[in-house]
Structure formats: structure tokens, C-alpha cells
Amino acid sequence: MSETIENTQETTSATAELLAKPVVIPVHAYISREYARAERDRLWSKVWQQVGRVEELPEVGSFLTYDILEDSFIITRTAPDTIRAYYNVCSHRGRRLVDTPEGKRDARGRGRQFVCGFHGWRYDLDGQCIQVPERDDWQCTLTDENIRLKQVRLDTWAGWIWINMDPDCEPLRDYLGPAVTLLEPFQLERFRCRWRRWFVADCNWKVAVEAFNEAYHVPYTHPEFIPFGSFLSWSKVQGRHSNIGFEAPKGMEANQGKLRIGGAGDARVSTAEMQNFIWENANTNTTETLVNVANRLVDELPEGTPAAEVAKYWVETARREDAERGVVWPTVEPGIVAESGTAWQIFPNFQLGHGQNNLLCYSFRPYGDDPDKCYFEAAVYQLYPAGEEPETEWLYTLVDDPGWGTVLPQDFSNMAAVQQGMKSRGFQGPRPNPYRERAVVNLHHNLAKYMGTGEPRELA
């Protein structure tokens, strides 16, 4: 970027006509145990949820589990071109068929059968119960249909696997709406995981969502980014979902993605400084190629090169060098890059920050009916040469572990502090910025449709 923070007033004035009405959000959605319990039947049983990646099930018999509150699911590849999801429960006495190992996010493996550890009932990959010890004792009342595993709706999009417990739910692509059109050019199904971590956060899952679905906080929570330029953001409603992006400097309107150049001064230097900072302190939203090329800008471009030309050279050089090693970036029309922004909040609990060569995703799940805790998951993806994709696993990482770097813990600190502040008798509810935090408001408009309560109220 070439602008600085001083441009805030100008940008706000230019977009005043786009302001939404100011609202306040009822606080019970964040702190009420009764509300948290109601989410099980009113929300989570009705929405599409992202549960894993297609490449995590490479062979017939590969499986993983996914838990949301009391419900657990087995997601398994039943044929080379078929993935199915079943409730992870034996039809005999209700024991889970697959247990999650202690300290793990989920269970994973490969096999041809799922065997109940209680009485040995067996199920094949198609969910059929193929063995019941002493079955004749049931006097022919156990039919193949009433003892098979109960299946749930499953579909895939952009390399992710999605499930929905509602048998009458709308198709996944209809549910995703504009995200399909604006994100499919990025070919996200080609990306592979570089690292993934999780922990139990001291906040409601909605507080965690809202810590990442707006960039209004960046200059204040992450002041170390200020020297790299302005991070003036926009937020748009996309049906159930929302997306955010950064206001682009003049002359660079098509570059509203994450491939940002540095701030004022020599763009060659500030771009390298920003890329090195991100790589070393967050390890997100960039790649080794982008960092390496940024570090050569001073040697390869003359002093005084305009910021826009620095950005163009940097990106085009990184694209070419990646292609030479077998990493081909998708070609996305500038208009799509601008309109798609930098990140999407897929209702209700999945966020993806996309680029043409890297991807940062967050997922959030309730921690039982405890409104003060949630599961927080972060994963970074990028493109790799065929056959060189790393093997990664979900690493449980405490909030103060150095593995998180220095940037994300600043967000974690806010999350815990916000959850505590929500309970104060002096707090009447969040008042999101009507322009930069539209995604926060949209989340609660949509939650209210499912929950029947919690609709944001207009400020007087």
C-alpha cells in the first residue's frame, strides 16, 4: 500500500452513502447458557458445516470424525468417487463407534468396517450393519434398514467436505450463494495445508468469529502493521455470508487482495519488511516465494520505482518463479479479485482468507453448552508442486505457545477480554461500525432467523 493512516477521514467520507444503520446487538447471544443450548436444535442441526478436506480421505476406507455438541459423525470414502457421512453411533446401545484419541481434535484412520467396542456390532462402509451377535434373539425385528447407520447430507465445494443434519436442507451451492461465483476462480481445491493448529478459547464462538471477520481492529490490535501502510477496510453483506477487503490505493483498485505492498517511503524496502514480518511472526498470508522475491526488490528495481510498479513486478516475478517449479497460480480477473476481497465469513462458523497462492482459514465450534468457551481452529494452505505436498496434522497448541507467533495471540487476548466484558452490567451490547463491521451485524441478523431471538436493534 502507498497510503497512510491519515487518509481515514477521506475514505469514510467517500463511502458515507454506503453506511448501514447503526445497531446494538443483544448480549445474551454471547453469554446465555440457555441460548447456547438452543443453538443445538435451532442452528447447528440446520446449517451446512465444513468438516474437512477431500484430500484427507485419499483412499477407499479413509475416514475422519467431526463433533458438534453432542453429535458426532464419521466421514468416510466409500468408493473412489463417493464420500458419505454417518452419525457416529451404534444402533444397538448408542455407543460411539469411533473414539477420539485423548488430546486429539478428531479420529482418523482407514478400514473396511466400523466395529462397536461394546458388543461387537459391525458396519460396512455403506453403513449397513453386517454383524449382530446372536441376531436371532431379536425374533426377526432387526431389519437391515432399522439398524443401518443413519446418514446425513454431504457435499463438497472448493476442496472442503460439508455436512448438514437437515434432510430437507437446500443444496450446498445454493446455501453458499455468491461465495461460489466469486471464489471458484481461485481454484481453492488445489491448495494443500502448510500448518494447522487448535485450542480451546476462553470466549463464545461468536466472539471468536467476530475477532476475524473485520479489519477495523488491525491498526489498533496490531499496531506493528502501521508502518506498512493503511489497512482501511470494507465489509459487505453476501446473503447469509459476508466478505471483507481493504480499500486499494489510487490506481491499484484491482488489487484489493492480500498481496499488499508496503507503506510510505521506498516501496521496495517496505514490501520486504512487511513480508518478512508476516512470515516470521504469523506465518500466514504469504509464501516463501513471495518473501524471497520481496527481499530481492532493492537489487532488481531502481530506487524511486512507483509503488504500483513494485507491486506488479513483485507479484509477476513470484508467479513466474513458482510456475518454473511446478506451482501454477490460478489466473483471476482483476474485477473478481477486487469484488471477492480478502476474506469471507461463511455462515455460521467458517472463515477463509483467500489469495491466488495462499489461504488462511478459521473454524469455530461451541464447547458444549458453556457460552464462555469454544474450539478455535486455524489452518494455512498454499500451492505445492505435485507430489511435494507436506503431511500435516491438527496440533493442539496452547494460547501462549510460540507456535502461534506474535500476531494471532493479540487476537486471542481480545477474545478472552471481550467475553469477560460482555458480562458487565455497564455493557449494553456491541455497537459495530456500520461500514467496516457489517459482517458482525449480518452474522446476528442471520442467527436471529434461526434462533428466533437476538435480532440487532437500531440505535436511537
Protein backbone atom coordinates (compact mmCIF):
# COMPACT_ATOMS: atom_id res chain seq x y z
CA MET A 1 0.00 0.00 0.00
CA SER A 2 1.11 3.55 -0.59
CA GLU A 3 -1.41 5.45 1.50
CA THR A 4 -1.12 6.09 5.22
CA ILE A 5 -3.49 6.12 8.18
CA GLU A 6 -4.15 9.86 7.70
CA ASN A 7 -6.48 9.02 4.80
CA THR A 8 -9.13 7.54 7.12
CA GLN A 9 -11.40 10.60 7.10
CA GLU A 10 -11.29 10.91 3.30
CA THR A 11 -12.17 7.25 2.82
CA THR A 12 -15.00 7.39 5.35
CA SER A 13 -16.49 10.45 3.68
CA ALA A 14 -16.26 8.86 0.23
CA THR A 15 -18.20 5.83 1.39
CA ALA A 16 -20.71 7.57 3.65
CA GLU A 17 -23.56 6.72 1.28
CA LEU A 18 -22.79 3.04 1.83
CA LEU A 19 -23.20 3.18 5.61
CA ALA A 20 -25.67 0.78 7.17
CA LYS A 21 -27.90 1.88 10.04
CA PRO A 22 -26.14 1.74 13.43
CA VAL A 23 -27.38 -1.11 15.63
CA VAL A 24 -26.78 -2.68 19.01
CA ILE A 25 -26.61 -6.47 19.35
CA PRO A 26 -28.31 -8.14 22.35
CA VAL A 27 -25.66 -9.55 24.62
CA HIS A 28 -27.47 -12.77 25.56
CA ALA A 29 -26.35 -14.43 22.32
CA TYR A 30 -22.80 -14.41 23.73
CA ILE A 31 -23.27 -15.17 27.43
CA SER A 32 -26.54 -17.06 27.91
CA ARG A 33 -26.27 -20.79 28.60
CA GLU A 34 -29.92 -21.15 27.61
CA TYR A 35 -29.14 -19.58 24.23
CA ALA A 36 -26.13 -21.87 23.81
CA ARG A 37 -28.30 -24.92 24.48
CA ALA A 38 -30.93 -23.76 21.99
CA GLU A 39 -28.29 -23.45 19.25
CA ARG A 40 -28.05 -27.24 19.09
CA ASP A 41 -31.53 -27.72 17.61
CA ARG A 42 -32.22 -24.35 16.05
CA LEU A 43 -28.88 -23.66 14.40
CA TRP A 44 -26.36 -26.49 14.17
CA SER A 45 -28.90 -29.09 13.03
CA LYS A 46 -29.98 -26.82 10.15
CA VAL A 47 -26.82 -25.36 8.59
CA TRP A 48 -24.09 -26.64 6.30
CA GLN A 49 -20.85 -27.18 8.23
CA GLN A 50 -17.33 -27.58 6.87
CA VAL A 51 -15.84 -30.76 8.35
CA GLY A 52 -12.58 -31.45 6.49
CA ARG A 53 -10.76 -31.55 3.18
CA VAL A 54 -11.32 -34.02 0.36
CA GLU A 55 -7.60 -34.85 0.23
CA GLU A 56 -7.78 -36.01 3.84
CA LEU A 57 -9.70 -39.07 2.59
CA PRO A 58 -7.35 -40.30 -0.16
CA GLU A 59 -8.38 -43.96 -0.32
CA VAL A 60 -11.49 -46.08 -0.02
CA GLY A 61 -11.94 -46.69 3.69
CA SER A 62 -10.19 -43.49 4.79
CA PHE A 63 -12.25 -41.76 7.47
CA LEU A 64 -12.26 -38.84 9.90
CA THR A 65 -14.67 -37.76 12.61
CA TYR A 66 -16.36 -34.45 13.28
CA ASP A 67 -18.10 -33.43 16.51
CA ILE A 68 -20.55 -30.60 17.12
CA LEU A 69 -22.00 -30.51 20.64
CA GLU A 70 -23.49 -33.95 21.41
CA ASP A 71 -23.45 -35.13 17.81
CA SER A 72 -20.51 -36.96 16.28
CA PHE A 73 -20.09 -38.03 12.65
CA ILE A 74 -17.96 -40.44 10.67
CA ILE A 75 -16.98 -39.07 7.26
CA THR A 76 -15.57 -41.80 5.05
CA ARG A 77 -14.69 -42.50 1.43
CA THR A 78 -16.89 -45.41 0.40
CA ALA A 79 -15.78 -45.54 -3.25
CA PRO A 80 -13.18 -43.76 -5.39
CA ASP A 81 -15.72 -41.06 -6.24
CA THR A 82 -18.00 -41.18 -3.19
CA ILE A 83 -17.77 -39.74 0.33
CA ARG A 84 -20.51 -40.30 2.89
CA ALA A 85 -21.24 -39.11 6.42
CA TYR A 86 -22.92 -41.12 9.20
CA TYR A 87 -23.84 -40.40 12.77
CA ASN A 88 -21.03 -41.90 14.84
CA VAL A 89 -23.24 -44.09 16.99
CA CYS A 90 -24.03 -47.79 17.14
CA SER A 91 -27.71 -48.59 16.58
CA HIS A 92 -27.62 -51.17 19.39
CA ARG A 93 -26.94 -49.29 22.63
CA GLY A 94 -25.73 -45.91 21.42
CA ARG A 95 -22.01 -46.29 21.96
CA ARG A 96 -19.84 -44.21 19.66
CA LEU A 97 -18.23 -46.43 17.05
CA VAL A 98 -15.06 -44.35 16.72
CA ASP A 99 -13.49 -42.70 19.77
CA THR A 100 -11.39 -39.54 19.54
CA PRO A 101 -7.93 -40.22 20.99
CA GLU A 102 -7.07 -38.20 24.10
CA GLY A 103 -5.78 -34.75 23.20
CA LYS A 104 -6.70 -35.02 19.52
CA ARG A 105 -9.08 -32.85 17.54
CA ASP A 106 -10.65 -35.85 15.82
CA ALA A 107 -10.14 -39.51 14.96
CA ARG A 108 -8.66 -40.62 11.65
CA GLY A 109 -7.84 -43.91 10.02
CA ARG A 110 -8.61 -46.38 7.28
CA GLY A 111 -10.55 -49.62 7.27
CA ARG A 112 -13.41 -51.54 5.73
CA GLN A 113 -15.60 -51.80 8.82
CA PHE A 114 -16.62 -49.86 11.91
CA VAL A 115 -16.87 -52.12 14.96
CA CYS A 116 -18.65 -51.22 18.19
CA GLY A 117 -16.34 -51.74 21.15
CA PHE A 118 -19.25 -52.66 23.43
CA HIS A 119 -20.91 -55.70 21.84
CA GLY A 120 -19.12 -56.12 18.52
CA TRP A 121 -21.81 -54.97 16.12
CA ARG A 122 -20.16 -54.30 12.75
CA TYR A 123 -20.96 -51.85 9.97
CA ASP A 124 -19.53 -51.67 6.45
CA LEU A 125 -18.57 -48.50 4.59
CA ASP A 126 -22.08 -48.21 3.16
CA GLY A 127 -23.48 -48.01 6.71
CA GLN A 128 -25.01 -51.48 6.59
CA CYS A 129 -24.92 -53.49 9.81
CA ILE A 130 -23.20 -56.69 8.71
CA GLN A 131 -22.83 -58.48 12.03
CA VAL A 132 -25.08 -58.73 15.09
CA PRO A 133 -24.02 -61.36 17.60
CA GLU A 134 -26.97 -63.68 18.36
CA ARG A 135 -29.22 -61.77 15.98
CA ASP A 136 -31.94 -64.45 16.11
CA ASP A 137 -32.75 -63.41 19.67
CA TRP A 138 -34.48 -60.33 18.27
CA GLN A 139 -37.05 -62.59 16.58
CA CYS A 140 -36.66 -61.05 13.11
CA THR A 141 -37.38 -57.48 14.32
CA LEU A 142 -33.91 -56.23 13.40
CA THR A 143 -34.21 -55.25 9.76
CA ASP A 144 -31.33 -54.09 7.59
CA GLU A 145 -32.99 -50.69 7.39
CA ASN A 146 -33.64 -50.07 11.08
CA ILE A 147 -30.13 -50.98 12.22
CA ARG A 148 -28.07 -49.35 9.49
CA LEU A 149 -26.09 -46.22 10.30
CA LYS A 150 -28.08 -43.05 9.89
CA GLN A 151 -26.70 -40.99 7.02
CA VAL A 152 -26.56 -37.19 6.79
CA ARG A 153 -26.39 -34.92 3.77
CA LEU A 154 -22.88 -34.40 2.39
CA ASP A 155 -21.46 -32.38 -0.47
CA THR A 156 -18.11 -30.90 -1.46
CA TRP A 157 -17.08 -27.47 -2.65
CA ALA A 158 -13.64 -25.85 -3.17
CA GLY A 159 -11.90 -28.93 -1.77
CA TRP A 160 -13.84 -28.92 1.51
CA ILE A 161 -16.32 -31.51 2.74
CA TRP A 162 -19.61 -30.16 4.11
CA ILE A 163 -22.42 -31.89 6.02
CA ASN A 164 -25.94 -30.92 7.01
CA MET A 165 -28.12 -32.80 9.52
CA ASP A 166 -31.34 -31.47 7.98
CA PRO A 167 -32.57 -33.98 5.35
CA ASP A 168 -34.64 -31.20 3.75
CA CYS A 169 -31.83 -28.64 3.56
CA GLU A 170 -31.18 -26.64 0.42
CA PRO A 171 -28.29 -27.71 -1.84
CA LEU A 172 -24.85 -26.64 -0.67
CA ARG A 173 -24.16 -24.35 -3.63
CA ASP A 174 -27.47 -22.56 -3.13
CA TYR A 175 -26.61 -22.16 0.56
CA LEU A 176 -23.18 -20.69 -0.26
CA GLY A 177 -24.67 -18.25 -2.75
CA PRO A 178 -22.30 -15.53 -4.04
CA ALA A 179 -19.26 -17.21 -2.48
CA VAL A 180 -19.38 -19.87 -5.19
CA THR A 181 -19.26 -17.39 -8.06
CA LEU A 182 -16.62 -15.13 -6.55
CA LEU A 183 -14.31 -17.79 -5.11
CA GLU A 184 -14.36 -20.62 -7.64
CA PRO A 185 -11.89 -18.79 -9.95
CA PHE A 186 -9.29 -19.09 -7.17
CA GLN A 187 -9.35 -22.93 -7.54
CA LEU A 188 -9.17 -23.46 -3.79
CA GLU A 189 -9.48 -27.22 -4.24
CA ARG A 190 -5.84 -27.22 -5.44
CA PHE A 191 -4.46 -25.81 -2.20
CA ARG A 192 -2.84 -28.03 0.44
CA CYS A 193 -2.29 -27.45 4.13
CA ARG A 194 1.01 -25.97 5.37
CA TRP A 195 0.07 -25.99 9.07
CA ARG A 196 -3.00 -26.31 11.27
CA ARG A 197 -3.50 -25.71 14.98
CA TRP A 198 -6.34 -25.68 17.50
CA PHE A 199 -7.09 -24.92 21.13
CA VAL A 200 -9.99 -24.20 23.49
CA ALA A 201 -10.52 -20.43 23.67
CA ASP A 202 -11.96 -18.56 26.64
CA CYS A 203 -14.82 -16.97 24.73
CA ASN A 204 -18.07 -17.70 22.96
CA TRP A 205 -17.69 -19.00 19.41
CA LYS A 206 -19.36 -15.84 18.07
CA VAL A 207 -16.81 -13.63 19.83
CA ALA A 208 -14.11 -15.66 18.10
CA VAL A 209 -15.81 -15.30 14.70
CA GLU A 210 -16.06 -11.56 15.16
CA ALA A 211 -12.39 -11.21 16.05
CA PHE A 212 -11.55 -12.18 12.48
CA ASN A 213 -14.43 -11.12 10.23
CA GLU A 214 -13.47 -7.44 10.19
CA ALA A 215 -10.25 -5.47 9.70
CA TYR A 216 -11.35 -2.36 11.62
CA HIS A 217 -9.20 -3.62 14.51
CA VAL A 218 -5.94 -4.01 12.58
CA PRO A 219 -4.27 -0.63 13.29
CA TYR A 220 -5.17 -0.86 16.98
CA THR A 221 -4.76 -4.53 17.86
CA HIS A 222 -1.78 -4.99 15.52
CA PRO A 223 -0.04 -1.57 15.53
CA GLU A 224 3.15 -3.14 14.20
CA PHE A 225 1.45 -3.16 10.78
CA ILE A 226 1.00 0.63 10.70
CA PRO A 227 4.45 1.33 9.20
CA PHE A 228 3.45 -0.84 6.24
CA GLY A 229 0.60 1.46 5.22
CA SER A 230 -3.11 1.90 5.76
CA PHE A 231 -5.41 -1.03 6.36
CA LEU A 232 -8.70 0.75 5.71
CA SER A 233 -11.29 -1.96 5.25
CA TRP A 234 -14.72 -2.51 3.78
CA SER A 235 -17.33 -5.11 4.68
CA LYS A 236 -20.19 -6.33 2.51
CA VAL A 237 -23.25 -8.50 3.06
CA GLN A 238 -23.41 -11.52 0.76
CA GLY A 239 -26.75 -13.08 1.71
CA ARG A 240 -26.14 -15.30 4.76
CA HIS A 241 -22.46 -14.66 4.39
CA SER A 242 -20.16 -11.63 4.35
CA ASN A 243 -16.84 -10.65 2.86
CA ILE A 244 -14.27 -8.03 3.74
CA GLY A 245 -11.45 -6.33 1.90
CA PHE A 246 -9.06 -3.40 2.06
CA GLU A 247 -9.54 -0.09 0.32
CA ALA A 248 -6.98 -0.12 -2.50
CA PRO A 249 -4.63 2.80 -3.10
CA LYS A 250 -5.49 5.03 -6.04
CA GLY A 251 -4.50 3.38 -9.29
CA MET A 252 -4.46 -0.09 -7.69
CA GLU A 253 -8.22 -0.66 -7.31
CA ALA A 254 -8.00 -4.18 -8.72
CA ASN A 255 -5.54 -5.19 -6.01
CA GLN A 256 -7.88 -5.44 -3.04
CA GLY A 257 -6.47 -8.82 -2.13
CA LYS A 258 -3.81 -9.84 0.35
CA LEU A 259 -0.89 -9.17 -1.96
CA ARG A 260 -0.29 -5.75 -0.46
CA ILE A 261 2.83 -3.66 -0.94
CA GLY A 262 4.47 -1.70 1.84
CA GLY A 263 3.57 1.80 3.04
CA ALA A 264 5.10 5.24 2.59
CA GLY A 265 8.72 5.60 1.53
CA ASP A 266 10.62 3.16 -0.65
CA ALA A 267 8.06 0.51 -1.59
CA ARG A 268 10.84 -1.94 -2.38
CA VAL A 269 12.08 -1.79 1.22
CA SER A 270 8.72 -1.64 2.99
CA THR A 271 7.35 -4.54 0.97
CA ALA A 272 10.27 -6.72 2.02
CA GLU A 273 9.93 -5.59 5.63
CA MET A 274 6.23 -6.41 5.69
CA GLN A 275 6.68 -9.82 4.06
CA ASN A 276 9.46 -10.78 6.47
CA PHE A 277 7.40 -9.62 9.44
CA ILE A 278 4.36 -11.66 8.38
CA TRP A 279 6.45 -14.76 7.61
CA GLU A 280 8.30 -14.63 10.92
CA ASN A 281 5.52 -13.50 13.25
CA ALA A 282 2.34 -15.01 11.78
CA ASN A 283 3.38 -17.47 9.06
CA THR A 284 0.14 -16.69 7.24
CA ASN A 285 -0.99 -14.81 4.12
CA THR A 286 2.28 -15.18 2.26
CA THR A 287 4.61 -17.84 0.91
CA GLU A 288 8.34 -18.46 0.82
CA THR A 289 8.42 -17.45 -2.83
CA LEU A 290 6.73 -14.12 -2.15
CA VAL A 291 9.14 -13.44 0.72
CA ASN A 292 12.21 -14.36 -1.32
CA VAL A 293 11.22 -12.15 -4.25
CA ALA A 294 10.38 -9.27 -1.89
CA ASN A 295 13.87 -9.50 -0.41
CA ARG A 296 15.39 -9.02 -3.89
CA LEU A 297 13.35 -5.96 -4.87
CA VAL A 298 16.04 -3.49 -3.83
CA ASP A 299 18.55 -5.27 -6.04
CA GLU A 300 16.27 -5.79 -9.02
CA LEU A 301 14.35 -2.47 -9.22
CA PRO A 302 15.81 1.05 -9.35
CA GLU A 303 15.33 3.47 -6.50
CA GLY A 304 12.23 5.58 -6.98
CA THR A 305 10.19 2.86 -8.70
CA PRO A 306 6.50 3.75 -8.13
CA ALA A 307 4.64 1.58 -5.65
CA ALA A 308 2.25 0.22 -8.28
CA GLU A 309 5.18 -0.93 -10.43
CA VAL A 310 6.87 -2.51 -7.41
CA ALA A 311 3.70 -4.47 -6.68
CA LYS A 312 3.33 -5.59 -10.29
CA TYR A 313 6.95 -6.72 -10.58
CA TRP A 314 6.85 -8.49 -7.21
CA VAL A 315 3.70 -10.48 -7.96
CA GLU A 316 4.57 -11.29 -11.58
CA THR A 317 8.08 -12.43 -10.63
CA ALA A 318 6.77 -14.64 -7.83
CA ARG A 319 4.15 -16.10 -10.17
CA ARG A 320 6.77 -16.89 -12.81
CA GLU A 321 9.26 -18.43 -10.37
CA ASP A 322 6.54 -20.56 -8.81
CA ALA A 323 5.46 -21.76 -12.27
CA GLU A 324 9.05 -22.76 -13.05
CA ARG A 325 8.97 -25.16 -10.08
CA GLY A 326 5.55 -26.57 -10.95
CA VAL A 327 3.32 -24.25 -8.92
CA VAL A 328 0.83 -22.62 -11.28
CA TRP A 329 -1.27 -19.87 -9.74
CA PRO A 330 -4.85 -19.56 -10.94
CA THR A 331 -5.48 -16.59 -13.23
CA VAL A 332 -8.27 -14.50 -11.75
CA GLU A 333 -9.81 -11.50 -13.49
CA PRO A 334 -8.95 -8.21 -11.71
CA GLY A 335 -12.62 -7.44 -11.21
CA ILE A 336 -13.15 -10.74 -9.38
CA VAL A 337 -10.05 -10.11 -7.25
CA ALA A 338 -11.44 -6.74 -6.23
CA GLU A 339 -15.02 -7.89 -5.63
CA SER A 340 -14.06 -11.05 -3.74
CA GLY A 341 -11.99 -9.05 -1.26
CA THR A 342 -9.59 -10.64 1.20
CA ALA A 343 -11.74 -12.93 3.35
CA TRP A 344 -15.18 -14.48 3.66
CA GLN A 345 -17.28 -15.39 6.67
CA ILE A 346 -19.32 -18.43 5.60
CA PHE A 347 -22.31 -18.58 7.92
CA PRO A 348 -22.19 -19.53 10.64
CA ASN A 349 -18.70 -20.63 11.70
CA PHE A 350 -16.17 -20.86 8.87
CA GLN A 351 -13.88 -18.12 7.59
CA LEU A 352 -11.50 -18.24 4.68
CA GLY A 353 -8.98 -15.61 3.70
CA HIS A 354 -8.15 -16.34 0.07
CA GLY A 355 -5.41 -15.34 -2.31
CA GLN A 356 -4.07 -16.58 -5.62
CA ASN A 357 -1.31 -18.56 -3.94
CA ASN A 358 -2.18 -18.85 -0.22
CA LEU A 359 -5.18 -19.35 2.02
CA LEU A 360 -5.88 -18.76 5.74
CA CYS A 361 -8.91 -20.42 7.32
CA TYR A 362 -10.56 -20.30 10.73
CA SER A 363 -13.26 -22.54 12.17
CA PHE A 364 -15.15 -22.07 15.41
CA ARG A 365 -17.35 -24.51 17.34
CA PRO A 366 -19.20 -24.28 20.66
CA TYR A 367 -17.68 -26.02 23.67
CA GLY A 368 -20.70 -27.93 24.85
CA ASP A 369 -23.28 -25.56 26.30
CA ASP A 370 -20.62 -23.44 28.00
CA PRO A 371 -21.11 -19.97 26.49
CA ASP A 372 -17.67 -18.86 27.72
CA LYS A 373 -15.58 -21.31 25.71
CA CYS A 374 -15.20 -22.52 22.14
CA TYR A 375 -13.00 -24.61 19.89
CA PHE A 376 -10.75 -22.40 17.77
CA GLU A 377 -9.03 -23.83 14.68
CA ALA A 378 -6.64 -22.16 12.23
CA ALA A 379 -5.15 -23.63 9.06
CA VAL A 380 -2.86 -22.18 6.40
CA TYR A 381 -2.80 -23.53 2.84
CA GLN A 382 -0.76 -22.87 -0.27
CA LEU A 383 0.01 -24.38 -3.67
CA TYR A 384 2.73 -27.06 -3.96
CA PRO A 385 4.39 -28.94 -6.83
CA ALA A 386 2.68 -32.27 -7.44
CA GLY A 387 3.97 -34.86 -5.02
CA GLU A 388 5.61 -32.32 -2.69
CA GLU A 389 2.61 -31.54 -0.52
CA PRO A 390 3.52 -31.79 3.20
CA GLU A 391 1.71 -34.14 5.54
CA THR A 392 0.20 -32.17 8.41
CA GLU A 393 -1.98 -32.95 11.40
CA TRP A 394 -4.04 -30.86 13.78
CA LEU A 395 -1.72 -29.72 16.59
CA TYR A 396 -3.22 -28.78 19.93
CA THR A 397 -1.40 -25.54 20.71
CA LEU A 398 -1.90 -23.58 23.92
CA VAL A 399 -2.68 -19.90 23.53
CA ASP A 400 0.76 -18.84 24.79
CA ASP A 401 2.71 -21.35 22.70
CA PRO A 402 5.37 -19.77 20.42
CA GLY A 403 3.94 -21.81 17.56
CA TRP A 404 1.21 -19.19 17.17
CA GLY A 405 3.76 -16.43 16.52
CA THR A 406 3.14 -12.94 17.86
CA VAL A 407 0.19 -11.68 15.80
CA LEU A 408 -2.59 -14.19 16.48
CA PRO A 409 -2.09 -14.10 20.28
CA GLN A 410 -3.03 -10.41 20.14
CA ASP A 411 -6.41 -11.52 18.77
CA PHE A 412 -6.69 -14.28 21.37
CA SER A 413 -6.17 -11.72 24.13
CA ASN A 414 -9.01 -9.60 22.76
CA MET A 415 -11.31 -12.62 22.52
CA ALA A 416 -10.94 -13.52 26.21
CA ALA A 417 -11.19 -9.88 27.33
CA VAL A 418 -14.32 -9.26 25.24
CA GLN A 419 -16.04 -12.33 26.71
CA GLN A 420 -15.41 -11.02 30.22
CA GLY A 421 -16.52 -7.51 29.32
CA MET A 422 -19.77 -8.78 27.80
CA LYS A 423 -20.93 -9.76 31.31
CA SER A 424 -20.52 -6.30 32.79
CA ARG A 425 -23.70 -4.58 33.94
CA GLY A 426 -22.23 -1.48 32.34
CA PHE A 427 -22.25 -3.02 28.86
CA GLN A 428 -25.45 -2.85 26.83
CA GLY A 429 -24.34 -4.81 23.78
CA PRO A 430 -21.93 -4.48 20.81
CA ARG A 431 -22.30 -1.44 18.52
CA PRO A 432 -20.46 -2.48 15.32
CA ASN A 433 -19.11 0.05 12.84
CA PRO A 434 -21.88 0.47 10.21
CA TYR A 435 -19.36 0.29 7.35
CA ARG A 436 -16.30 -1.68 8.39
CA GLU A 437 -18.07 -4.23 10.64
CA ARG A 438 -21.10 -5.10 8.54
CA ALA A 439 -20.10 -8.77 8.75
CA VAL A 440 -20.63 -8.71 12.53
CA VAL A 441 -24.15 -7.35 12.17
CA ASN A 442 -25.00 -9.70 9.31
CA LEU A 443 -23.97 -12.69 11.41
CA HIS A 444 -26.56 -11.75 14.03
CA HIS A 445 -29.30 -10.92 11.54
CA ASN A 446 -28.94 -14.45 10.23
CA LEU A 447 -28.56 -16.06 13.64
CA ALA A 448 -31.84 -14.42 14.67
CA LYS A 449 -33.61 -16.06 11.71
CA TYR A 450 -32.59 -19.48 13.02
CA MET A 451 -32.78 -18.77 16.75
CA GLY A 452 -35.95 -16.66 16.86
CA THR A 453 -34.23 -14.14 19.13
CA GLY A 454 -31.26 -11.77 19.22
CA GLU A 455 -32.13 -9.55 16.25
CA PRO A 456 -29.90 -6.42 16.28
CA ARG A 457 -31.79 -3.26 17.33
CA GLU A 458 -31.37 0.12 15.70
CA LEU A 459 -29.55 2.65 17.86
CA ALA A 460 -31.68 5.62 18.83
